Amino acid sequence: MGIDFGKKEDREGYLQSKLDDLLDGINASYGQALLDELMLRLEATVDDFNKEVDELMGSLKKSSAEKEKLIQQIKAGESPKVETGESDTEEPTSEESRELSEWEKRLEGIS
């Protein structure tokens, strides 16, 4: 008996047969209602899982493409462009330089 888990009907049939075996003892009281609810929940869980996997795969493909682009830029001898939204050519103001110098002096005094 070959089960093709790639087909929804085969998966449902497989689960149905396994659950029927498990529910034989309580089938008279709760069987069908319990089975129906369980099948609905399993389907929702599988759908959620598939959506999350699709999102992760899309994210992975995007990340992989960006890494490949950076590698090609490095191989070509180009400076890789990092997209931070800020200009890379900004010079620190004289106040920032002064603060840095004061901070460096403090560090030298501690050593």
PDB file of N, CA and C in Angstrom:
ATOM      1  N   MET A   1       0.848  -1.182   0.000  1.00  0.00           N
ATOM      2  CA  MET A   1       0.000   0.000   0.000  1.00  0.00           C
ATOM      3  C   MET A   1       0.886   1.235   0.000  1.00  0.00           C
ATOM      4  N   GLY A   2       0.922   1.933  -1.091  1.00  0.00           N
ATOM      5  CA  GLY A   2       1.739   3.129  -1.166  1.00  0.00           C
ATOM      6  C   GLY A   2       0.902   4.373  -0.926  1.00  0.00           C
ATOM      7  N   ILE A   3       1.406   5.216  -0.039  1.00  0.00           N
ATOM      8  CA  ILE A   3       0.696   6.457   0.283  1.00  0.00           C
ATOM      9  C   ILE A   3       1.523   7.607  -0.265  1.00  0.00           C
ATOM     10  N   ASP A   4       0.905   8.431  -1.070  1.00  0.00           N
ATOM     11  CA  ASP A   4       1.562   9.611  -1.609  1.00  0.00           C
ATOM     12  C   ASP A   4       1.183  10.796  -0.731  1.00  0.00           C
ATOM     13  N   PHE A   5       2.086  11.183   0.166  1.00  0.00           N
ATOM     14  CA  PHE A   5       1.795  12.273   1.096  1.00  0.00           C
ATOM     15  C   PHE A   5       1.782  13.627   0.407  1.00  0.00           C
ATOM     16  N   GLY A   6       2.101  13.650  -0.853  1.00  0.00           N
ATOM     17  CA  GLY A   6       2.029  14.887  -1.615  1.00  0.00           C
ATOM     18  C   GLY A   6       0.602  15.214  -2.054  1.00  0.00           C
ATOM     19  N   LYS A   7      -0.298  14.229  -1.947  1.00  0.00           N
ATOM     20  CA  LYS A   7      -1.693  14.432  -2.346  1.00  0.00           C
ATOM     21  C   LYS A   7      -2.558  14.587  -1.106  1.00  0.00           C
ATOM     22  N   LYS A   8      -3.399  15.591  -1.112  1.00  0.00           N
ATOM     23  CA  LYS A   8      -4.252  15.880   0.039  1.00  0.00           C
ATOM     24  C   LYS A   8      -5.181  14.714   0.358  1.00  0.00           C
ATOM     25  N   GLU A   9      -5.742  14.094  -0.660  1.00  0.00           N
ATOM     26  CA  GLU A   9      -6.674  12.987  -0.442  1.00  0.00           C
ATOM     27  C   GLU A   9      -5.984  11.813   0.251  1.00  0.00           C
ATOM     28  N   ASP A  10      -4.770  11.492  -0.190  1.00  0.00           N
ATOM     29  CA  ASP A  10      -4.035  10.385   0.419  1.00  0.00           C
ATOM     30  C   ASP A  10      -3.678  10.686   1.876  1.00  0.00           C
ATOM     31  N   ARG A  11      -3.277  11.933   2.142  1.00  0.00           N
ATOM     32  CA  ARG A  11      -2.951  12.312   3.526  1.00  0.00           C
ATOM     33  C   ARG A  11      -4.179  12.190   4.407  1.00  0.00           C
ATOM     34  N   GLU A  12      -5.304  12.724   3.923  1.00  0.00           N
ATOM     35  CA  GLU A  12      -6.533  12.661   4.705  1.00  0.00           C
ATOM     36  C   GLU A  12      -6.980  11.229   4.932  1.00  0.00           C
ATOM     37  N   GLY A  13      -6.867  10.395   3.912  1.00  0.00           N
ATOM     38  CA  GLY A  13      -7.230   8.981   4.038  1.00  0.00           C
ATOM     39  C   GLY A  13      -6.362   8.268   5.055  1.00  0.00           C
ATOM     40  N   TYR A  14      -5.065   8.545   5.001  1.00  0.00           N
ATOM     41  CA  TYR A  14      -4.126   7.941   5.952  1.00  0.00           C
ATOM     42  C   TYR A  14      -4.471   8.363   7.380  1.00  0.00           C
ATOM     43  N   LEU A  15      -4.657   9.665   7.580  1.00  0.00           N
ATOM     44  CA  LEU A  15      -5.009  10.152   8.919  1.00  0.00           C
ATOM     45  C   LEU A  15      -6.343   9.588   9.377  1.00  0.00           C
ATOM     46  N   GLN A  16      -7.286   9.521   8.475  1.00  0.00           N
ATOM     47  CA  GLN A  16      -8.613   8.993   8.806  1.00  0.00           C
ATOM     48  C   GLN A  16      -8.505   7.554   9.296  1.00  0.00           C
ATOM     49  N   SER A  17      -7.751   6.735   8.589  1.00  0.00           N
ATOM     50  CA  SER A  17      -7.632   5.331   8.988  1.00  0.00           C
ATOM     51  C   SER A  17      -6.910   5.191  10.323  1.00  0.00           C
ATOM     52  N   LYS A  18      -5.856   5.963  10.538  1.00  0.00           N
ATOM     53  CA  LYS A  18      -5.129   5.900  11.810  1.00  0.00           C
ATOM     54  C   LYS A  18      -5.990   6.400  12.961  1.00  0.00           C
ATOM     55  N   LEU A  19      -6.726   7.467  12.742  1.00  0.00           N
ATOM     56  CA  LEU A  19      -7.582   8.007  13.801  1.00  0.00           C
ATOM     57  C   LEU A  19      -8.757   7.081  14.093  1.00  0.00           C
ATOM     58  N   ASP A  20      -9.267   6.432  13.067  1.00  0.00           N
ATOM     59  CA  ASP A  20     -10.343   5.460  13.296  1.00  0.00           C
ATOM     60  C   ASP A  20      -9.860   4.345  14.218  1.00  0.00           C
ATOM     61  N   ASP A  21      -8.634   3.880  13.994  1.00  0.00           N
ATOM     62  CA  ASP A  21      -8.073   2.848  14.864  1.00  0.00           C
ATOM     63  C   ASP A  21      -7.976   3.335  16.306  1.00  0.00           C
ATOM     64  N   LEU A  22      -7.559   4.592  16.484  1.00  0.00           N
ATOM     65  CA  LEU A  22      -7.399   5.140  17.836  1.00  0.00           C
ATOM     66  C   LEU A  22      -8.737   5.404  18.520  1.00  0.00           C
ATOM     67  N   LEU A  23      -9.749   5.719  17.745  1.00  0.00           N
ATOM     68  CA  LEU A  23     -11.029   6.128  18.313  1.00  0.00           C
ATOM     69  C   LEU A  23     -12.042   4.994  18.466  1.00  0.00           C
ATOM     70  N   ASP A  24     -11.643   3.771  18.172  1.00  0.00           N
ATOM     71  CA  ASP A  24     -12.591   2.655  18.269  1.00  0.00           C
ATOM     72  C   ASP A  24     -13.239   2.584  19.655  1.00  0.00           C
ATOM     73  N   GLY A  25     -12.483   2.801  20.713  1.00  0.00           N
ATOM     74  CA  GLY A  25     -13.002   2.691  22.072  1.00  0.00           C
ATOM     75  C   GLY A  25     -14.034   3.743  22.429  1.00  0.00           C
ATOM     76  N   ILE A  26     -13.890   4.950  21.908  1.00  0.00           N
ATOM     77  CA  ILE A  26     -14.820   6.027  22.276  1.00  0.00           C
ATOM     78  C   ILE A  26     -15.717   6.435  21.113  1.00  0.00           C
ATOM     79  N   ASN A  27     -15.700   5.656  20.092  1.00  0.00           N
ATOM     80  CA  ASN A  27     -16.416   5.991  18.864  1.00  0.00           C
ATOM     81  C   ASN A  27     -17.921   6.153  19.071  1.00  0.00           C
ATOM     82  N   ALA A  28     -18.500   5.343  19.933  1.00  0.00           N
ATOM     83  CA  ALA A  28     -19.951   5.385  20.109  1.00  0.00           C
ATOM     84  C   ALA A  28     -20.406   6.731  20.676  1.00  0.00           C
ATOM     85  N   SER A  29     -19.626   7.333  21.557  1.00  0.00           N
ATOM     86  CA  SER A  29     -20.036   8.574  22.211  1.00  0.00           C
ATOM     87  C   SER A  29     -19.570   9.830  21.484  1.00  0.00           C
ATOM     88  N   TYR A  30     -18.294   9.862  21.133  1.00  0.00           N
ATOM     89  CA  TYR A  30     -17.708  11.108  20.627  1.00  0.00           C
ATOM     90  C   TYR A  30     -17.090  10.999  19.244  1.00  0.00           C
ATOM     91  N   GLY A  31     -17.014   9.832  18.706  1.00  0.00           N
ATOM     92  CA  GLY A  31     -16.225   9.533  17.523  1.00  0.00           C
ATOM     93  C   GLY A  31     -16.272  10.524  16.393  1.00  0.00           C
ATOM     94  N   GLN A  32     -17.393  10.682  15.761  1.00  0.00           N
ATOM     95  CA  GLN A  32     -17.438  11.501  14.546  1.00  0.00           C
ATOM     96  C   GLN A  32     -17.220  12.981  14.837  1.00  0.00           C
ATOM     97  N   ALA A  33     -17.845  13.492  15.903  1.00  0.00           N
ATOM     98  CA  ALA A  33     -17.661  14.915  16.241  1.00  0.00           C
ATOM     99  C   ALA A  33     -16.203  15.208  16.585  1.00  0.00           C
ATOM    100  N   LEU A  34     -15.586  14.302  17.344  1.00  0.00           N
ATOM    101  CA  LEU A  34     -14.184  14.473  17.713  1.00  0.00           C
ATOM    102  C   LEU A  34     -13.293  14.389  16.480  1.00  0.00           C
ATOM    103  N   LEU A  35     -13.584  13.440  15.639  1.00  0.00           N
ATOM    104  CA  LEU A  35     -12.791  13.263  14.421  1.00  0.00           C
ATOM    105  C   LEU A  35     -12.915  14.475  13.503  1.00  0.00           C
ATOM    106  N   ASP A  36     -14.115  14.985  13.342  1.00  0.00           N
ATOM    107  CA  ASP A  36     -14.317  16.162  12.490  1.00  0.00           C
ATOM    108  C   ASP A  36     -13.537  17.359  13.022  1.00  0.00           C
ATOM    109  N   GLU A  37     -13.627  17.602  14.327  1.00  0.00           N
ATOM    110  CA  GLU A  37     -12.897  18.732  14.926  1.00  0.00           C
ATOM    111  C   GLU A  37     -11.389  18.532  14.794  1.00  0.00           C
ATOM    112  N   LEU A  38     -10.944  17.323  15.023  1.00  0.00           N
ATOM    113  CA  LEU A  38      -9.513  17.038  14.911  1.00  0.00           C
ATOM    114  C   LEU A  38      -9.017  17.248  13.487  1.00  0.00           C
ATOM    115  N   MET A  39      -9.806  16.815  12.510  1.00  0.00           N
ATOM    116  CA  MET A  39      -9.413  17.007  11.112  1.00  0.00           C
ATOM    117  C   MET A  39      -9.353  18.493  10.756  1.00  0.00           C
ATOM    118  N   LEU A  40     -10.314  19.267  11.244  1.00  0.00           N
ATOM    119  CA  LEU A  40     -10.291  20.716  10.988  1.00  0.00           C
ATOM    120  C   LEU A  40      -9.046  21.359  11.583  1.00  0.00           C
ATOM    121  N   ARG A  41      -8.724  20.959  12.793  1.00  0.00           N
ATOM    122  CA  ARG A  41      -7.543  21.535  13.451  1.00  0.00           C
ATOM    123  C   ARG A  41      -6.253  21.100  12.772  1.00  0.00           C
ATOM    124  N   LEU A  42      -6.199  19.845  12.360  1.00  0.00           N
ATOM    125  CA  LEU A  42      -5.006  19.378  11.650  1.00  0.00           C
ATOM    126  C   LEU A  42      -4.823  20.114  10.328  1.00  0.00           C
ATOM    127  N   GLU A  43      -5.910  20.304   9.602  1.00  0.00           N
ATOM    128  CA  GLU A  43      -5.829  21.034   8.338  1.00  0.00           C
ATOM    129  C   GLU A  43      -5.374  22.474   8.556  1.00  0.00           C
ATOM    130  N   ALA A  44      -5.896  23.121   9.607  1.00  0.00           N
ATOM    131  CA  ALA A  44      -5.489  24.499   9.909  1.00  0.00           C
ATOM    132  C   ALA A  44      -4.010  24.549  10.287  1.00  0.00           C
ATOM    133  N   THR A  45      -3.570  23.555  11.065  1.00  0.00           N
ATOM    134  CA  THR A  45      -2.161  23.509  11.474  1.00  0.00           C
ATOM    135  C   THR A  45      -1.248  23.317  10.267  1.00  0.00           C
ATOM    136  N   VAL A  46      -1.626  22.416   9.375  1.00  0.00           N
ATOM    137  CA  VAL A  46      -0.821  22.164   8.179  1.00  0.00           C
ATOM    138  C   VAL A  46      -0.797  23.399   7.283  1.00  0.00           C
ATOM    139  N   ASP A  47      -1.928  24.057   7.133  1.00  0.00           N
ATOM    140  CA  ASP A  47      -1.981  25.283   6.324  1.00  0.00           C
ATOM    141  C   ASP A  47      -1.087  26.372   6.913  1.00  0.00           C
ATOM    142  N   ASP A  48      -1.155  26.560   8.231  1.00  0.00           N
ATOM    143  CA  ASP A  48      -0.299  27.557   8.893  1.00  0.00           C
ATOM    144  C   ASP A  48       1.168  27.212   8.700  1.00  0.00           C
ATOM    145  N   PHE A  49       1.495  25.941   8.859  1.00  0.00           N
ATOM    146  CA  PHE A  49       2.876  25.501   8.675  1.00  0.00           C
ATOM    147  C   PHE A  49       3.351  25.783   7.257  1.00  0.00           C
ATOM    148  N   ASN A  50       2.517  25.452   6.274  1.00  0.00           N
ATOM    149  CA  ASN A  50       2.894  25.685   4.876  1.00  0.00           C
ATOM    150  C   ASN A  50       3.110  27.169   4.596  1.00  0.00           C
ATOM    151  N   LYS A  51       2.257  28.029   5.157  1.00  0.00           N
ATOM    152  CA  LYS A  51       2.424  29.471   4.972  1.00  0.00           C
ATOM    153  C   LYS A  51       3.737  29.944   5.587  1.00  0.00           C
ATOM    154  N   GLU A  52       4.042  29.463   6.794  1.00  0.00           N
ATOM    155  CA  GLU A  52       5.282  29.875   7.458  1.00  0.00           C
ATOM    156  C   GLU A  52       6.498  29.396   6.685  1.00  0.00           C
ATOM    157  N   VAL A  53       6.448  28.172   6.174  1.00  0.00           N
ATOM    158  CA  VAL A  53       7.572  27.646   5.390  1.00  0.00           C
ATOM    159  C   VAL A  53       7.739  28.465   4.111  1.00  0.00           C
ATOM    160  N   ASP A  54       6.636  28.816   3.456  1.00  0.00           N
ATOM    161  CA  ASP A  54       6.721  29.643   2.248  1.00  0.00           C
ATOM    162  C   ASP A  54       7.357  30.997   2.547  1.00  0.00           C
ATOM    163  N   GLU A  55       6.965  31.615   3.668  1.00  0.00           N
ATOM    164  CA  GLU A  55       7.544  32.898   4.052  1.00  0.00           C
ATOM    165  C   GLU A  55       9.035  32.758   4.347  1.00  0.00           C
ATOM    166  N   LEU A  56       9.398  31.687   5.059  1.00  0.00           N
ATOM    167  CA  LEU A  56      10.812  31.461   5.363  1.00  0.00           C
ATOM    168  C   LEU A  56      11.625  31.212   4.103  1.00  0.00           C
ATOM    169  N   MET A  57      11.064  30.447   3.190  1.00  0.00           N
ATOM    170  CA  MET A  57      11.786  30.176   1.944  1.00  0.00           C
ATOM    171  C   MET A  57      11.960  31.451   1.127  1.00  0.00           C
ATOM    172  N   GLY A  58      10.931  32.290   1.096  1.00  0.00           N
ATOM    173  CA  GLY A  58      11.049  33.571   0.396  1.00  0.00           C
ATOM    174  C   GLY A  58      12.122  34.445   1.018  1.00  0.00           C
ATOM    175  N   SER A  59      12.138  34.473   2.339  1.00  0.00           N
ATOM    176  CA  SER A  59      13.147  35.252   3.053  1.00  0.00           C
ATOM    177  C   SER A  59      14.548  34.695   2.794  1.00  0.00           C
ATOM    178  N   LEU A  60      14.654  33.379   2.790  1.00  0.00           N
ATOM    179  CA  LEU A  60      15.943  32.734   2.533  1.00  0.00           C
ATOM    180  C   LEU A  60      16.435  33.022   1.116  1.00  0.00           C
ATOM    181  N   LYS A  61      15.528  32.971   0.142  1.00  0.00           N
ATOM    182  CA  LYS A  61      15.904  33.274  -1.240  1.00  0.00           C
ATOM    183  C   LYS A  61      16.377  34.715  -1.378  1.00  0.00           C
ATOM    184  N   LYS A  62      15.656  35.638  -0.715  1.00  0.00           N
ATOM    185  CA  LYS A  62      16.029  37.050  -0.776  1.00  0.00           C
ATOM    186  C   LYS A  62      17.403  37.261  -0.144  1.00  0.00           C
ATOM    187  N   SER A  63      17.618  36.660   1.006  1.00  0.00           N
ATOM    188  CA  SER A  63      18.895  36.795   1.701  1.00  0.00           C
ATOM    189  C   SER A  63      20.027  36.194   0.877  1.00  0.00           C
ATOM    190  N   SER A  64      19.763  35.049   0.285  1.00  0.00           N
ATOM    191  CA  SER A  64      20.770  34.394  -0.545  1.00  0.00           C
ATOM    192  C   SER A  64      21.127  35.250  -1.755  1.00  0.00           C
ATOM    193  N   ALA A  65      20.125  35.864  -2.366  1.00  0.00           N
ATOM    194  CA  ALA A  65      20.372  36.723  -3.529  1.00  0.00           C
ATOM    195  C   ALA A  65      21.210  37.936  -3.133  1.00  0.00           C
ATOM    196  N   GLU A  66      20.907  38.509  -1.971  1.00  0.00           N
ATOM    197  CA  GLU A  66      21.679  39.665  -1.504  1.00  0.00           C
ATOM    198  C   GLU A  66      23.125  39.274  -1.212  1.00  0.00           C
ATOM    199  N   LYS A  67      23.320  38.108  -0.603  1.00  0.00           N
ATOM    200  CA  LYS A  67      24.685  37.643  -0.312  1.00  0.00           C
ATOM    201  C   LYS A  67      25.451  37.387  -1.598  1.00  0.00           C
ATOM    202  N   GLU A  68      24.776  36.777  -2.567  1.00  0.00           N
ATOM    203  CA  GLU A  68      25.419  36.508  -3.857  1.00  0.00           C
ATOM    204  C   GLU A  68      25.819  37.815  -4.548  1.00  0.00           C
ATOM    205  N   LYS A  69      24.954  38.809  -4.453  1.00  0.00           N
ATOM    206  CA  LYS A  69      25.253  40.115  -5.043  1.00  0.00           C
ATOM    207  C   LYS A  69      26.479  40.737  -4.380  1.00  0.00           C
ATOM    208  N   LEU A  70      26.550  40.657  -3.046  1.00  0.00           N
ATOM    209  CA  LEU A  70      27.705  41.196  -2.333  1.00  0.00           C
ATOM    210  C   LEU A  70      28.987  40.454  -2.700  1.00  0.00           C
ATOM    211  N   ILE A  71      28.900  39.137  -2.822  1.00  0.00           N
ATOM    212  CA  ILE A  71      30.076  38.347  -3.193  1.00  0.00           C
ATOM    213  C   ILE A  71      30.559  38.740  -4.582  1.00  0.00           C
ATOM    214  N   GLN A  72      29.632  38.928  -5.518  1.00  0.00           N
ATOM    215  CA  GLN A  72      30.011  39.333  -6.871  1.00  0.00           C
ATOM    216  C   GLN A  72      30.655  40.719  -6.878  1.00  0.00           C
ATOM    217  N   GLN A  73      30.138  41.628  -6.035  1.00  0.00           N
ATOM    218  CA  GLN A  73      30.733  42.966  -5.942  1.00  0.00           C
ATOM    219  C   GLN A  73      32.148  42.883  -5.389  1.00  0.00           C
ATOM    220  N   ILE A  74      32.337  42.037  -4.392  1.00  0.00           N
ATOM    221  CA  ILE A  74      33.673  41.894  -3.797  1.00  0.00           C
ATOM    222  C   ILE A  74      34.633  41.281  -4.813  1.00  0.00           C
ATOM    223  N   LYS A  75      34.176  40.262  -5.553  1.00  0.00           N
ATOM    224  CA  LYS A  75      35.017  39.627  -6.565  1.00  0.00           C
ATOM    225  C   LYS A  75      35.388  40.607  -7.668  1.00  0.00           C
ATOM    226  N   ALA A  76      34.476  41.519  -7.996  1.00  0.00           N
ATOM    227  CA  ALA A  76      34.732  42.492  -9.054  1.00  0.00           C
ATOM    228  C   ALA A  76      35.611  43.640  -8.557  1.00  0.00           C
ATOM    229  N   GLY A  77      35.928  43.642  -7.278  1.00  0.00           N
ATOM    230  CA  GLY A  77      36.778  44.684  -6.732  1.00  0.00           C
ATOM    231  C   GLY A  77      36.020  45.938  -6.354  1.00  0.00           C
ATOM    232  N   GLU A  78      34.720  45.861  -6.362  1.00  0.00           N
ATOM    233  CA  GLU A  78      33.907  47.011  -5.981  1.00  0.00           C
ATOM    234  C   GLU A  78      33.731  47.029  -4.471  1.00  0.00           C
ATOM    235  N   SER A  79      33.504  48.213  -3.973  1.00  0.00           N
ATOM    236  CA  SER A  79      33.191  48.349  -2.557  1.00  0.00           C
ATOM    237  C   SER A  79      31.733  47.986  -2.373  1.00  0.00           C
ATOM    238  N   PRO A  80      31.433  46.962  -1.518  1.00  0.00           N
ATOM    239  CA  PRO A  80      30.022  46.584  -1.343  1.00  0.00           C
ATOM    240  C   PRO A  80      29.217  47.724  -0.756  1.00  0.00           C
ATOM    241  N   LYS A  81      28.048  47.918  -1.297  1.00  0.00           N
ATOM    242  CA  LYS A  81      27.160  48.974  -0.816  1.00  0.00           C
ATOM    243  C   LYS A  81      26.260  48.401   0.257  1.00  0.00           C
ATOM    244  N   VAL A  82      26.339  48.973   1.455  1.00  0.00           N
ATOM    245  CA  VAL A  82      25.478  48.555   2.549  1.00  0.00           C
ATOM    246  C   VAL A  82      24.325  49.527   2.609  1.00  0.00           C
ATOM    247  N   GLU A  83      23.104  48.998   2.543  1.00  0.00           N
ATOM    248  CA  GLU A  83      21.922  49.852   2.525  1.00  0.00           C
ATOM    249  C   GLU A  83      21.469  50.148   3.943  1.00  0.00           C
ATOM    250  N   THR A  84      21.952  51.274   4.482  1.00  0.00           N
ATOM    251  CA  THR A  84      21.555  51.664   5.836  1.00  0.00           C
ATOM    252  C   THR A  84      20.644  52.870   5.809  1.00  0.00           C
ATOM    253  N   GLY A  85      20.563  53.525   4.690  1.00  0.00           N
ATOM    254  CA  GLY A  85      19.732  54.710   4.596  1.00  0.00           C
ATOM    255  C   GLY A  85      20.496  55.975   4.933  1.00  0.00           C
ATOM    256  N   GLU A  86      21.746  55.835   5.352  1.00  0.00           N
ATOM    257  CA  GLU A  86      22.571  56.997   5.676  1.00  0.00           C
ATOM    258  C   GLU A  86      23.676  57.118   4.642  1.00  0.00           C
ATOM    259  N   SER A  87      24.176  58.307   4.498  1.00  0.00           N
ATOM    260  CA  SER A  87      25.272  58.543   3.574  1.00  0.00           C
ATOM    261  C   SER A  87      26.576  58.046   4.179  1.00  0.00           C
ATOM    262  N   ASP A  88      27.374  57.325   3.378  1.00  0.00           N
ATOM    263  CA  ASP A  88      28.642  56.799   3.876  1.00  0.00           C
ATOM    264  C   ASP A  88      29.737  57.856   3.852  1.00  0.00           C
ATOM    265  N   THR A  89      29.508  58.989   3.184  1.00  0.00           N
ATOM    266  CA  THR A  89      30.567  59.972   3.012  1.00  0.00           C
ATOM    267  C   THR A  89      30.488  61.106   4.015  1.00  0.00           C
ATOM    268  N   GLU A  90      29.596  61.006   5.003  1.00  0.00           N
ATOM    269  CA  GLU A  90      29.479  62.095   5.971  1.00  0.00           C
ATOM    270  C   GLU A  90      30.734  62.183   6.831  1.00  0.00           C
ATOM    271  N   GLU A  91      31.247  63.352   6.976  1.00  0.00           N
ATOM    272  CA  GLU A  91      32.386  63.607   7.836  1.00  0.00           C
ATOM    273  C   GLU A  91      31.882  63.982   9.219  1.00  0.00           C
ATOM    274  N   PRO A  92      32.553  63.535  10.275  1.00  0.00           N
ATOM    275  CA  PRO A  92      32.130  63.959  11.605  1.00  0.00           C
ATOM    276  C   PRO A  92      32.349  65.460  11.778  1.00  0.00           C
ATOM    277  N   THR A  93      31.449  66.081  12.474  1.00  0.00           N
ATOM    278  CA  THR A  93      31.594  67.513  12.714  1.00  0.00           C
ATOM    279  C   THR A  93      32.760  67.750  13.657  1.00  0.00           C
ATOM    280  N   SER A  94      33.193  69.006  13.751  1.00  0.00           N
ATOM    281  CA  SER A  94      34.324  69.321  14.627  1.00  0.00           C
ATOM    282  C   SER A  94      33.969  69.023  16.081  1.00  0.00           C
ATOM    283  N   GLU A  95      32.687  69.186  16.452  1.00  0.00           N
ATOM    284  CA  GLU A  95      32.266  68.875  17.813  1.00  0.00           C
ATOM    285  C   GLU A  95      32.402  67.373  18.082  1.00  0.00           C
ATOM    286  N   GLU A  96      32.007  66.543  17.093  1.00  0.00           N
ATOM    287  CA  GLU A  96      32.143  65.107  17.249  1.00  0.00           C
ATOM    288  C   GLU A  96      33.612  64.724  17.344  1.00  0.00           C
ATOM    289  N   SER A  97      34.490  65.379  16.560  1.00  0.00           N
ATOM    290  CA  SER A  97      35.918  65.108  16.615  1.00  0.00           C
ATOM    291  C   SER A  97      36.475  65.500  17.969  1.00  0.00           C
ATOM    292  N   ARG A  98      36.013  66.643  18.496  1.00  0.00           N
ATOM    293  CA  ARG A  98      36.492  67.114  19.790  1.00  0.00           C
ATOM    294  C   ARG A  98      36.075  66.141  20.887  1.00  0.00           C
ATOM    295  N   GLU A  99      34.819  65.674  20.831  1.00  0.00           N
ATOM    296  CA  GLU A  99      34.348  64.722  21.821  1.00  0.00           C
ATOM    297  C   GLU A  99      35.142  63.429  21.740  1.00  0.00           C
ATOM    298  N   LEU A 100      35.427  62.978  20.553  1.00  0.00           N
ATOM    299  CA  LEU A 100      36.206  61.775  20.381  1.00  0.00           C
ATOM    300  C   LEU A 100      37.603  61.963  20.938  1.00  0.00           C
ATOM    301  N   SER A 101      38.185  63.098  20.687  1.00  0.00           N
ATOM    302  CA  SER A 101      39.526  63.359  21.199  1.00  0.00           C
ATOM    303  C   SER A 101      39.529  63.395  22.722  1.00  0.00           C
ATOM    304  N   GLU A 102      38.533  64.028  23.323  1.00  0.00           N
ATOM    305  CA  GLU A 102      38.444  64.052  24.778  1.00  0.00           C
ATOM    306  C   GLU A 102      38.278  62.647  25.327  1.00  0.00           C
ATOM    307  N   TRP A 103      37.467  61.864  24.664  1.00  0.00           N
ATOM    308  CA  TRP A 103      37.249  60.484  25.092  1.00  0.00           C
ATOM    309  C   TRP A 103      38.546  59.681  24.973  1.00  0.00           C
ATOM    310  N   GLU A 104      39.283  59.891  23.884  1.00  0.00           N
ATOM    311  CA  GLU A 104      40.559  59.199  23.723  1.00  0.00           C
ATOM    312  C   GLU A 104      41.537  59.602  24.807  1.00  0.00           C
ATOM    313  N   LYS A 105      41.539  60.867  25.189  1.00  0.00           N
ATOM    314  CA  LYS A 105      42.434  61.337  26.262  1.00  0.00           C
ATOM    315  C   LYS A 105      42.082  60.649  27.581  1.00  0.00           C
ATOM    316  N   ARG A 106      40.792  60.521  27.866  1.00  0.00           N
ATOM    317  CA  ARG A 106      40.372  59.835  29.094  1.00  0.00           C
ATOM    318  C   ARG A 106      40.828  58.383  29.090  1.00  0.00           C
ATOM    319  N   LEU A 107      40.686  57.724  27.930  1.00  0.00           N
ATOM    320  CA  LEU A 107      41.114  56.342  27.843  1.00  0.00           C
ATOM    321  C   LEU A 107      42.624  56.202  28.031  1.00  0.00           C
ATOM    322  N   GLU A 108      43.383  57.153  27.497  1.00  0.00           N
ATOM    323  CA  GLU A 108      44.834  57.114  27.661  1.00  0.00           C
ATOM    324  C   GLU A 108      45.205  57.327  29.123  1.00  0.00           C
ATOM    325  N   GLY A 109      44.456  58.188  29.824  1.00  0.00           N
ATOM    326  CA  GLY A 109      44.719  58.432  31.236  1.00  0.00           C
ATOM    327  C   GLY A 109      44.429  57.224  32.108  1.00  0.00           C
ATOM    328  N   ILE A 110      43.486  56.397  31.712  1.00  0.00           N
ATOM    329  CA  ILE A 110      43.129  55.200  32.483  1.00  0.00           C
ATOM    330  C   ILE A 110      44.196  54.133  32.311  1.00  0.00           C
ATOM    331  N   SER A 111      44.787  54.019  31.119  1.00  0.00           N
ATOM    332  CA  SER A 111      45.745  52.937  30.859  1.00  0.00           C
ATOM    333  C   SER A 111      47.028  53.103  31.594  1.00  0.00           C
TER     334      SER A 111
END
